[in-house]
């Protein structure tokens, strides 16, 4: 059961990464063809855009930190009291990666939307 959940999460993470690459490429190509003054004006005229960006960066950093902490636990071993919950921890470990990818895709989407 846990293996199937892990595979599903990893497949979804790969799909999210591909979507993120698409939005990033579109934003980057728009970025190259847009005047710098226009980009500065669009990005900093709306406080909601900046708030969304800062919030997404903060939450993504938190999920990456959790993922890294769980990586250390994975490398150095689980405490004996938690050995019965190893699969749950591993699923959370994979899920934090998927959520981080999703948040980065949202960030790329907001930038692509701003630049197009």
Protein backbone atom coordinates (compact mmCIF):
# COMPACT_ATOMS: atom_id res chain seq x y z
CA UNK A 1 0.00 0.00 0.00
CA UNK A 2 2.74 2.45 0.95
CA UNK A 3 4.76 1.67 -2.19
CA UNK A 4 1.77 2.51 -4.38
CA UNK A 5 1.29 5.82 -2.59
CA UNK A 6 4.98 6.63 -3.05
CA UNK A 7 4.83 5.82 -6.75
CA UNK A 8 1.70 7.94 -7.23
CA UNK A 9 3.29 10.88 -5.39
CA UNK A 10 6.48 10.58 -7.45
CA UNK A 11 4.56 10.44 -10.75
CA UNK A 12 2.55 13.49 -9.73
CA UNK A 13 5.80 15.24 -8.77
CA UNK A 14 7.24 14.52 -12.21
CA UNK A 15 4.10 15.90 -13.89
CA UNK A 16 4.27 19.00 -11.68
CA UNK A 17 7.94 19.46 -12.62
CA UNK A 18 7.13 19.27 -16.34
CA UNK A 19 4.34 21.84 -15.93
CA UNK A 20 6.77 24.03 -13.97
CA UNK A 21 9.34 23.79 -16.74
CA UNK A 22 6.68 24.88 -19.23
CA UNK A 23 5.71 27.95 -17.18
CA UNK A 24 9.35 28.78 -16.52
CA UNK A 25 10.22 28.58 -20.21
CA UNK A 26 7.24 30.77 -21.15
CA UNK A 27 8.15 33.33 -18.47
CA UNK A 28 11.80 33.30 -19.50
CA UNK A 29 10.99 33.80 -23.19
CA UNK A 30 8.61 36.66 -22.30
CA UNK A 31 11.25 38.11 -19.98
CA UNK A 32 13.79 38.30 -22.80
CA UNK A 33 11.39 40.19 -25.08
CA UNK A 34 9.96 42.62 -22.52
CA UNK A 35 11.39 46.01 -21.70
CA UNK A 36 13.01 46.17 -18.24
CA UNK A 37 10.97 49.22 -17.26
CA UNK A 38 7.73 47.41 -18.08
CA UNK A 39 8.76 44.43 -15.95
CA UNK A 40 9.66 46.64 -13.00
CA UNK A 41 6.41 48.54 -13.31
CA UNK A 42 4.25 45.42 -13.52
CA UNK A 43 5.95 43.56 -10.71
CA UNK A 44 6.06 46.35 -8.18
CA UNK A 45 2.77 48.10 -8.89
CA UNK A 46 0.76 45.42 -7.16
CA UNK A 47 1.41 44.61 -3.54
CA UNK A 48 -0.57 41.37 -3.90
CA UNK A 49 1.97 40.07 -6.44
CA UNK A 50 4.83 40.71 -4.04
CA UNK A 51 2.90 39.22 -1.12
CA UNK A 52 2.16 36.05 -3.10
CA UNK A 53 5.80 35.77 -4.12
CA UNK A 54 7.18 36.23 -0.61
CA UNK A 55 4.62 33.83 0.85
CA UNK A 56 5.36 31.15 -1.76
CA UNK A 57 9.11 31.51 -1.26
CA UNK A 58 8.71 31.28 2.53
CA UNK A 59 6.44 28.23 2.44
CA UNK A 60 8.63 26.51 -0.16
CA UNK A 61 11.66 27.12 2.04
CA UNK A 62 9.81 25.60 5.00
CA UNK A 63 8.92 22.48 3.02
CA UNK A 64 12.48 22.15 1.74
CA UNK A 65 13.71 22.45 5.34
CA UNK A 66 11.29 19.71 6.46
CA UNK A 67 12.38 17.56 3.53
CA UNK A 68 16.04 18.08 4.46
CA UNK A 69 15.36 17.24 8.11
CA UNK A 70 13.64 14.03 7.05
CA UNK A 71 16.60 13.32 4.75
CA UNK A 72 18.90 13.42 7.79
CA UNK A 73 16.59 11.07 9.65
CA UNK A 74 16.58 8.78 6.59
CA UNK A 75 20.40 8.79 6.42
CA UNK A 76 21.18 8.44 10.12
CA UNK A 77 18.30 6.13 10.98
CA UNK A 78 15.06 6.42 12.81
CA UNK A 79 14.87 6.44 16.59
CA UNK A 80 13.73 3.05 17.88
CA UNK A 81 10.46 4.53 19.16
CA UNK A 82 9.53 5.58 15.61
CA UNK A 83 10.53 2.40 13.76
CA UNK A 84 6.91 1.32 13.43
CA UNK A 85 6.12 4.54 11.52
CA UNK A 86 8.96 4.43 8.97
CA UNK A 87 6.62 4.16 5.96
CA UNK A 88 4.57 7.14 7.11
CA UNK A 89 7.72 9.23 7.55
CA UNK A 90 8.94 8.19 4.11
CA UNK A 91 5.62 9.18 2.55
CA UNK A 92 5.80 12.57 4.27
CA UNK A 93 9.40 12.84 3.04
CA UNK A 94 8.27 12.33 -0.56
CA UNK A 95 5.19 14.50 -0.11
CA UNK A 96 7.26 17.47 1.08
CA UNK A 97 9.21 17.27 -2.17
CA UNK A 98 6.00 17.19 -4.20
CA UNK A 99 4.54 20.15 -2.33
CA UNK A 100 7.78 22.12 -2.80
CA UNK A 101 7.62 21.44 -6.53
CA UNK A 102 3.97 22.51 -6.64
CA UNK A 103 4.76 25.77 -4.87
CA UNK A 104 7.61 26.48 -7.27
CA UNK A 105 5.26 25.83 -10.19
CA UNK A 106 2.81 28.34 -8.71
CA UNK A 107 5.62 30.86 -8.45
CA UNK A 108 6.58 30.27 -12.08
CA UNK A 109 2.92 30.56 -13.10
CA UNK A 110 2.54 33.93 -11.36
CA UNK A 111 5.68 35.23 -13.08
CA UNK A 112 4.55 33.90 -16.45
CA UNK A 113 1.16 35.54 -15.95
CA UNK A 114 2.84 38.82 -15.02
CA UNK A 115 5.12 38.80 -18.06
CA UNK A 116 2.59 37.76 -20.69
